[in-house]
N, C-alpha and C. Protein backbone atom coordinates (compact mmCIF):
# COMPACT_ATOMS: atom_id res chain seq x y z
N MET A 1 15.52 16.54 5.98
CA MET A 1 14.83 15.58 5.13
C MET A 1 14.10 14.51 6.08
N ASP A 2 12.91 14.14 5.51
CA ASP A 2 12.10 13.22 6.17
C ASP A 2 12.60 11.84 6.23
N ILE A 3 13.45 11.46 5.27
CA ILE A 3 13.97 10.11 5.14
C ILE A 3 14.89 9.87 6.34
N TYR A 4 15.54 10.89 6.82
CA TYR A 4 16.44 10.74 8.05
C TYR A 4 15.41 10.38 9.29
N LYS A 5 14.36 11.09 9.46
CA LYS A 5 13.42 10.78 10.50
C LYS A 5 12.86 9.39 10.44
N ILE A 6 12.40 8.99 9.19
CA ILE A 6 11.79 7.76 8.92
C ILE A 6 12.88 6.66 9.37
N THR A 7 14.13 6.78 8.84
CA THR A 7 15.07 5.75 9.14
C THR A 7 15.48 5.80 10.48
N ALA A 8 15.66 6.90 11.21
CA ALA A 8 15.85 6.85 12.65
C ALA A 8 14.89 6.31 13.51
N VAL A 9 13.59 6.54 13.17
CA VAL A 9 12.40 5.88 13.91
C VAL A 9 12.47 4.47 13.60
N GLY A 10 12.64 3.97 12.43
CA GLY A 10 12.71 2.57 12.06
C GLY A 10 13.81 1.84 12.73
N LEU A 11 15.09 2.45 12.82
CA LEU A 11 16.19 1.70 13.37
C LEU A 11 16.03 1.73 14.90
N ILE A 12 15.61 2.70 15.56
CA ILE A 12 15.29 2.79 16.94
C ILE A 12 14.20 1.65 17.32
N GLY A 13 13.14 1.72 16.57
CA GLY A 13 12.15 0.72 16.80
C GLY A 13 12.52 -0.73 16.66
N ALA A 14 13.37 -0.94 15.58
CA ALA A 14 13.84 -2.27 15.31
C ALA A 14 14.80 -2.71 16.42
N VAL A 15 15.69 -1.87 16.92
CA VAL A 15 16.68 -2.28 17.97
C VAL A 15 15.89 -2.44 19.16
N LEU A 16 14.98 -1.68 19.60
CA LEU A 16 14.18 -1.91 20.82
C LEU A 16 13.29 -3.24 20.70
N SER A 17 12.83 -3.44 19.53
CA SER A 17 12.05 -4.66 19.41
C SER A 17 12.81 -5.90 19.51
N VAL A 18 13.99 -5.95 18.82
CA VAL A 18 14.81 -7.07 18.88
C VAL A 18 15.39 -7.22 20.28
N THR A 19 15.78 -6.18 20.93
CA THR A 19 16.28 -6.24 22.31
C THR A 19 15.32 -6.87 23.31
N LEU A 20 13.94 -6.38 23.25
CA LEU A 20 12.95 -6.88 24.09
C LEU A 20 12.22 -8.13 23.68
N LYS A 21 12.41 -8.68 22.44
CA LYS A 21 11.78 -9.79 21.96
C LYS A 21 11.79 -11.05 22.87
N LYS A 22 13.22 -11.34 23.36
CA LYS A 22 13.32 -12.46 24.11
C LYS A 22 12.69 -12.33 25.53
N ASP A 23 12.76 -11.17 26.20
CA ASP A 23 12.18 -11.16 27.50
C ASP A 23 10.80 -10.81 27.54
N CYS A 24 10.37 -9.88 26.73
CA CYS A 24 8.93 -9.33 26.75
C CYS A 24 8.44 -9.39 25.24
N PRO A 25 7.97 -10.40 24.82
CA PRO A 25 7.54 -10.48 23.30
C PRO A 25 6.31 -9.51 23.14
N GLN A 26 5.49 -9.38 24.14
CA GLN A 26 4.32 -8.61 23.90
C GLN A 26 4.77 -7.11 23.71
N ILE A 27 5.65 -6.58 24.58
CA ILE A 27 6.13 -5.36 24.44
C ILE A 27 6.78 -5.02 23.12
N ALA A 28 7.61 -5.96 22.60
CA ALA A 28 8.19 -5.90 21.36
C ALA A 28 7.32 -5.72 20.17
N ILE A 29 6.09 -6.47 20.32
CA ILE A 29 5.07 -6.44 19.26
C ILE A 29 4.57 -4.89 19.21
N CYS A 30 4.31 -4.35 20.48
CA CYS A 30 3.77 -3.10 20.55
C CYS A 30 4.70 -2.03 20.04
N ILE A 31 6.03 -2.22 20.25
CA ILE A 31 6.97 -1.31 19.75
C ILE A 31 6.94 -1.38 18.27
N THR A 32 6.93 -2.66 17.70
CA THR A 32 6.87 -2.79 16.25
C THR A 32 5.70 -1.96 15.62
N ALA A 33 4.57 -2.19 16.32
CA ALA A 33 3.35 -1.68 15.77
C ALA A 33 3.46 -0.07 15.86
N ILE A 34 3.93 0.42 16.89
CA ILE A 34 4.01 1.96 17.06
C ILE A 34 5.06 2.52 16.12
N THR A 35 6.10 1.82 15.87
CA THR A 35 7.16 2.15 14.94
C THR A 35 6.54 2.34 13.54
N CYS A 36 5.78 1.24 13.13
CA CYS A 36 5.03 1.25 11.85
C CYS A 36 4.08 2.51 11.79
N ILE A 37 3.30 2.63 12.84
CA ILE A 37 2.48 3.79 12.75
C ILE A 37 3.07 5.12 12.70
N LEU A 38 4.18 5.37 13.47
CA LEU A 38 4.90 6.61 13.37
C LEU A 38 5.51 6.77 11.94
N ILE A 39 5.97 5.77 11.40
CA ILE A 39 6.54 5.95 9.96
C ILE A 39 5.38 6.24 8.98
N LEU A 40 4.31 5.57 9.14
CA LEU A 40 3.19 5.98 8.38
C LEU A 40 2.70 7.44 8.53
N GLY A 41 2.79 7.90 9.73
CA GLY A 41 2.42 9.18 10.04
C GLY A 41 3.39 10.20 9.34
N PHE A 42 4.61 9.87 9.13
CA PHE A 42 5.59 10.71 8.30
C PHE A 42 5.24 10.66 6.94
N VAL A 43 4.93 9.60 6.46
CA VAL A 43 4.63 9.31 4.87
C VAL A 43 3.28 9.78 4.35
N LEU A 44 2.21 9.61 5.07
CA LEU A 44 0.97 9.71 4.60
C LEU A 44 0.68 11.32 4.18
N PRO A 45 1.05 12.18 4.99
CA PRO A 45 0.83 13.54 4.51
C PRO A 45 1.52 13.86 3.13
N LYS A 46 2.51 13.20 2.85
CA LYS A 46 3.27 13.50 1.64
C LYS A 46 2.43 13.11 0.40
N LEU A 47 1.57 12.15 0.60
CA LEU A 47 0.84 11.54 -0.50
C LEU A 47 -0.18 12.47 -1.01
N GLY A 48 -0.62 13.48 -0.33
CA GLY A 48 -1.61 14.45 -0.76
C GLY A 48 -1.08 15.22 -2.02
N ALA A 49 0.05 15.53 -2.06
CA ALA A 49 0.70 16.19 -3.21
C ALA A 49 0.75 15.44 -4.44
N VAL A 50 1.08 14.10 -4.23
CA VAL A 50 1.03 13.18 -5.30
C VAL A 50 -0.32 12.84 -5.91
N THR A 51 -1.31 12.72 -5.01
CA THR A 51 -2.62 12.47 -5.45
C THR A 51 -3.25 13.71 -6.22
N ALA A 52 -2.85 14.94 -5.75
CA ALA A 52 -3.36 16.15 -6.41
C ALA A 52 -2.78 16.27 -7.75
N LEU A 53 -1.51 15.90 -7.86
CA LEU A 53 -0.91 16.08 -9.27
C LEU A 53 -1.52 15.02 -10.28
N LEU A 54 -1.73 13.69 -9.77
CA LEU A 54 -2.34 12.67 -10.62
C LEU A 54 -3.79 13.04 -10.85
N GLU A 55 -4.51 13.66 -9.99
CA GLU A 55 -5.86 14.09 -10.37
C GLU A 55 -5.82 15.12 -11.45
N ASN A 56 -4.94 16.09 -11.32
CA ASN A 56 -4.75 17.15 -12.38
C ASN A 56 -4.48 16.39 -13.73
N ILE A 57 -3.67 15.46 -13.86
CA ILE A 57 -3.25 14.70 -15.07
C ILE A 57 -4.60 14.10 -15.51
N ASP A 58 -5.23 13.39 -14.56
CA ASP A 58 -6.54 12.79 -14.97
C ASP A 58 -7.54 13.77 -15.56
N ASN A 59 -7.56 14.96 -15.02
CA ASN A 59 -8.62 15.92 -15.46
C ASN A 59 -8.13 16.43 -16.89
N MET A 60 -6.74 16.48 -17.18
CA MET A 60 -6.32 17.01 -18.43
C MET A 60 -6.49 15.99 -19.46
N MET A 61 -6.56 14.69 -19.08
CA MET A 61 -6.87 13.72 -20.18
C MET A 61 -8.32 13.40 -20.39
N THR A 62 -8.79 13.86 -21.65
CA THR A 62 -10.20 13.64 -21.84
C THR A 62 -10.44 12.41 -22.58
N GLY A 63 -11.65 11.86 -22.18
CA GLY A 63 -12.09 10.59 -22.83
C GLY A 63 -11.34 9.32 -22.34
N GLU A 64 -10.75 9.32 -21.32
CA GLU A 64 -9.95 8.20 -20.74
C GLU A 64 -10.72 7.51 -19.71
N ASN A 65 -11.88 8.00 -19.34
CA ASN A 65 -12.80 7.16 -18.40
C ASN A 65 -12.24 7.05 -16.98
N GLY A 66 -11.30 8.01 -16.52
CA GLY A 66 -10.82 7.94 -15.27
C GLY A 66 -9.82 6.92 -14.96
N TYR A 67 -8.98 6.57 -15.95
CA TYR A 67 -8.05 5.43 -15.78
C TYR A 67 -6.96 5.70 -14.72
N VAL A 68 -6.64 7.03 -14.59
CA VAL A 68 -5.59 7.45 -13.58
C VAL A 68 -6.05 7.12 -12.14
N LYS A 69 -7.46 7.37 -12.02
CA LYS A 69 -8.04 7.14 -10.57
C LYS A 69 -8.00 5.58 -10.39
N LEU A 70 -8.26 4.87 -11.37
CA LEU A 70 -8.23 3.37 -11.22
C LEU A 70 -6.78 2.88 -10.87
N VAL A 71 -5.84 3.45 -11.55
CA VAL A 71 -4.47 3.10 -11.24
C VAL A 71 -4.05 3.53 -9.86
N LEU A 72 -4.53 4.73 -9.41
CA LEU A 72 -4.24 5.15 -8.05
C LEU A 72 -4.85 4.15 -6.97
N LYS A 73 -6.01 3.77 -7.35
CA LYS A 73 -6.79 2.78 -6.41
C LYS A 73 -5.87 1.39 -6.33
N ILE A 74 -5.48 1.06 -7.52
CA ILE A 74 -4.81 -0.30 -7.49
C ILE A 74 -3.40 -0.16 -6.77
N VAL A 75 -2.72 0.94 -7.01
CA VAL A 75 -1.55 1.13 -6.31
C VAL A 75 -1.73 1.23 -4.76
N ALA A 76 -2.69 1.96 -4.41
CA ALA A 76 -3.06 1.96 -3.01
C ALA A 76 -3.41 0.74 -2.34
N VAL A 77 -4.20 -0.19 -3.03
CA VAL A 77 -4.54 -1.47 -2.51
C VAL A 77 -3.30 -2.37 -2.47
N ALA A 78 -2.39 -2.23 -3.44
CA ALA A 78 -1.11 -3.06 -3.42
C ALA A 78 -0.25 -2.69 -2.18
N TYR A 79 -0.05 -1.33 -2.00
CA TYR A 79 0.77 -0.84 -0.85
C TYR A 79 0.10 -1.14 0.46
N ILE A 80 -1.18 -1.02 0.65
CA ILE A 80 -1.80 -1.30 1.92
C ILE A 80 -1.79 -2.74 2.22
N SER A 81 -2.02 -3.59 1.27
CA SER A 81 -1.98 -5.03 1.42
C SER A 81 -0.66 -5.50 1.74
N SER A 82 0.35 -4.94 0.99
CA SER A 82 1.67 -5.41 1.23
C SER A 82 2.22 -5.04 2.68
N PHE A 83 1.89 -3.84 3.04
CA PHE A 83 2.17 -3.46 4.37
C PHE A 83 1.54 -4.19 5.53
N GLY A 84 0.27 -4.42 5.29
CA GLY A 84 -0.40 -5.31 6.28
C GLY A 84 0.03 -6.71 6.44
N ALA A 85 0.41 -7.33 5.16
CA ALA A 85 0.99 -8.58 5.16
C ALA A 85 2.25 -8.67 5.82
N LYS A 86 3.11 -7.75 5.57
CA LYS A 86 4.55 -7.74 6.13
C LYS A 86 4.46 -7.57 7.67
N LEU A 87 3.46 -6.76 8.07
CA LEU A 87 3.38 -6.41 9.55
C LEU A 87 2.78 -7.73 10.25
N CYS A 88 1.94 -8.46 9.58
CA CYS A 88 1.51 -9.71 10.10
C CYS A 88 2.62 -10.75 10.20
N ARG A 89 3.49 -10.78 9.12
CA ARG A 89 4.67 -11.65 9.22
C ARG A 89 5.60 -11.25 10.16
N ASP A 90 5.81 -10.03 10.50
CA ASP A 90 6.61 -9.68 11.62
C ASP A 90 6.10 -10.09 12.93
N PHE A 91 4.83 -10.10 13.17
CA PHE A 91 4.18 -10.54 14.39
C PHE A 91 4.10 -12.15 14.31
N GLY A 92 4.65 -12.89 13.35
CA GLY A 92 4.76 -14.25 13.36
C GLY A 92 3.46 -15.00 12.78
N GLU A 93 2.63 -14.22 12.14
CA GLU A 93 1.42 -14.65 11.51
C GLU A 93 1.53 -14.60 10.01
N SER A 94 2.32 -15.47 9.55
CA SER A 94 2.50 -15.54 8.02
C SER A 94 1.31 -15.95 7.30
N SER A 95 0.44 -16.92 8.02
CA SER A 95 -0.82 -17.27 7.18
C SER A 95 -1.77 -16.07 7.09
N VAL A 96 -1.84 -15.26 8.10
CA VAL A 96 -2.74 -14.13 8.02
C VAL A 96 -2.23 -13.26 6.96
N GLY A 97 -0.93 -13.01 6.94
CA GLY A 97 -0.22 -12.10 5.94
C GLY A 97 -0.55 -12.57 4.46
N ASP A 98 -0.48 -13.90 4.35
CA ASP A 98 -0.84 -14.48 2.90
C ASP A 98 -2.24 -14.30 2.64
N LYS A 99 -3.20 -14.22 3.56
CA LYS A 99 -4.61 -14.03 3.35
C LYS A 99 -4.77 -12.57 2.92
N ILE A 100 -4.07 -11.62 3.62
CA ILE A 100 -4.21 -10.24 3.32
C ILE A 100 -3.69 -9.99 1.86
N GLU A 101 -2.54 -10.72 1.41
CA GLU A 101 -2.13 -10.48 0.15
C GLU A 101 -3.01 -10.97 -0.93
N LEU A 102 -3.63 -12.20 -0.54
CA LEU A 102 -4.63 -12.68 -1.48
C LEU A 102 -5.90 -11.81 -1.66
N GLY A 103 -6.35 -11.23 -0.52
CA GLY A 103 -7.42 -10.30 -0.49
C GLY A 103 -7.13 -9.11 -1.46
N GLY A 104 -5.87 -8.58 -1.18
CA GLY A 104 -5.38 -7.41 -2.14
C GLY A 104 -5.34 -7.71 -3.46
N LYS A 105 -4.82 -8.94 -3.91
CA LYS A 105 -4.93 -9.32 -5.33
C LYS A 105 -6.31 -9.38 -5.88
N ILE A 106 -7.25 -9.97 -5.05
CA ILE A 106 -8.58 -10.04 -5.63
C ILE A 106 -9.28 -8.76 -5.76
N ILE A 107 -8.96 -7.80 -4.80
CA ILE A 107 -9.53 -6.40 -4.95
C ILE A 107 -8.90 -5.72 -6.12
N ILE A 108 -7.62 -5.88 -6.41
CA ILE A 108 -6.97 -5.28 -7.47
C ILE A 108 -7.72 -5.84 -8.82
N LEU A 109 -8.15 -7.05 -8.88
CA LEU A 109 -8.71 -7.72 -10.02
C LEU A 109 -10.01 -7.08 -10.19
N ILE A 110 -10.72 -6.99 -9.10
CA ILE A 110 -12.05 -6.35 -9.22
C ILE A 110 -12.00 -4.83 -9.67
N VAL A 111 -11.04 -4.10 -9.17
CA VAL A 111 -10.87 -2.64 -9.43
C VAL A 111 -10.46 -2.42 -10.96
N SER A 112 -9.65 -3.57 -11.44
CA SER A 112 -9.23 -3.44 -12.77
C SER A 112 -10.12 -3.94 -13.81
N LEU A 113 -11.34 -4.50 -13.44
CA LEU A 113 -12.37 -5.07 -14.46
C LEU A 113 -12.74 -3.98 -15.43
N PRO A 114 -13.10 -2.69 -15.05
CA PRO A 114 -13.45 -1.69 -16.06
C PRO A 114 -12.40 -1.47 -17.06
N VAL A 115 -11.16 -1.57 -16.75
CA VAL A 115 -10.02 -1.50 -17.66
C VAL A 115 -9.99 -2.51 -18.64
N ILE A 116 -10.13 -3.83 -18.12
CA ILE A 116 -10.24 -4.93 -18.93
C ILE A 116 -11.35 -4.96 -19.93
N THR A 117 -12.50 -4.58 -19.46
CA THR A 117 -13.76 -4.65 -20.34
C THR A 117 -13.68 -3.50 -21.40
N GLY A 118 -13.06 -2.38 -21.02
CA GLY A 118 -12.74 -1.28 -21.91
C GLY A 118 -11.82 -1.82 -23.08
N LEU A 119 -10.81 -2.48 -22.59
CA LEU A 119 -9.77 -3.03 -23.62
C LEU A 119 -10.45 -4.06 -24.55
N LEU A 120 -11.24 -4.87 -24.07
CA LEU A 120 -11.97 -5.87 -24.75
C LEU A 120 -12.87 -5.26 -25.72
N ASP A 121 -13.62 -4.09 -25.28
CA ASP A 121 -14.52 -3.37 -26.18
C ASP A 121 -13.86 -2.73 -27.38
N MET A 122 -12.65 -2.31 -27.10
CA MET A 122 -11.82 -1.59 -28.02
C MET A 122 -11.39 -2.53 -29.07
N LEU A 123 -10.88 -3.71 -28.64
CA LEU A 123 -10.46 -4.81 -29.57
C LEU A 123 -11.64 -5.26 -30.35
N GLY A 124 -12.80 -5.36 -29.83
CA GLY A 124 -14.05 -5.75 -30.57
C GLY A 124 -14.36 -4.93 -31.63
N GLU A 125 -14.09 -3.46 -31.40
CA GLU A 125 -14.47 -2.47 -32.38
C GLU A 125 -13.44 -2.60 -33.65
N LEU A 126 -12.14 -2.92 -33.23
CA LEU A 126 -11.08 -3.08 -34.29
C LEU A 126 -11.28 -4.29 -35.14
N MET A 127 -11.86 -5.24 -34.66
CA MET A 127 -12.07 -6.53 -35.59
C MET A 127 -13.19 -6.37 -36.49
N PRO A 128 -13.05 -6.75 -37.70
CA PRO A 128 -13.97 -6.67 -38.72
C PRO A 128 -15.31 -7.60 -38.52
């Protein structure tokens, strides 16, 4: 199972990073970044099956204006911004991580605007 690989790479990277952080902080940061990239390399290919399934569901739903695609974009933005923010915090740059999270929240708001306007239009039609 892939979770064993992910966990092993994560633990090895964390132990190496913590061990080298005191003597060689630059190398520890590189090890942390490489560990994160390796873990993403294990996970990203698995997302293809999920997106294909969700696209099939979206195609089956008629008249929904592609809301499943919007939800996928929102989830992707949330995961990417969370990952980037946590990585920055690991590097000791919490202010940069906060700005990444703020940017992700703003992008989520922008992406969700069609859903909000559609909901408001639907409410407007219901009211006499």
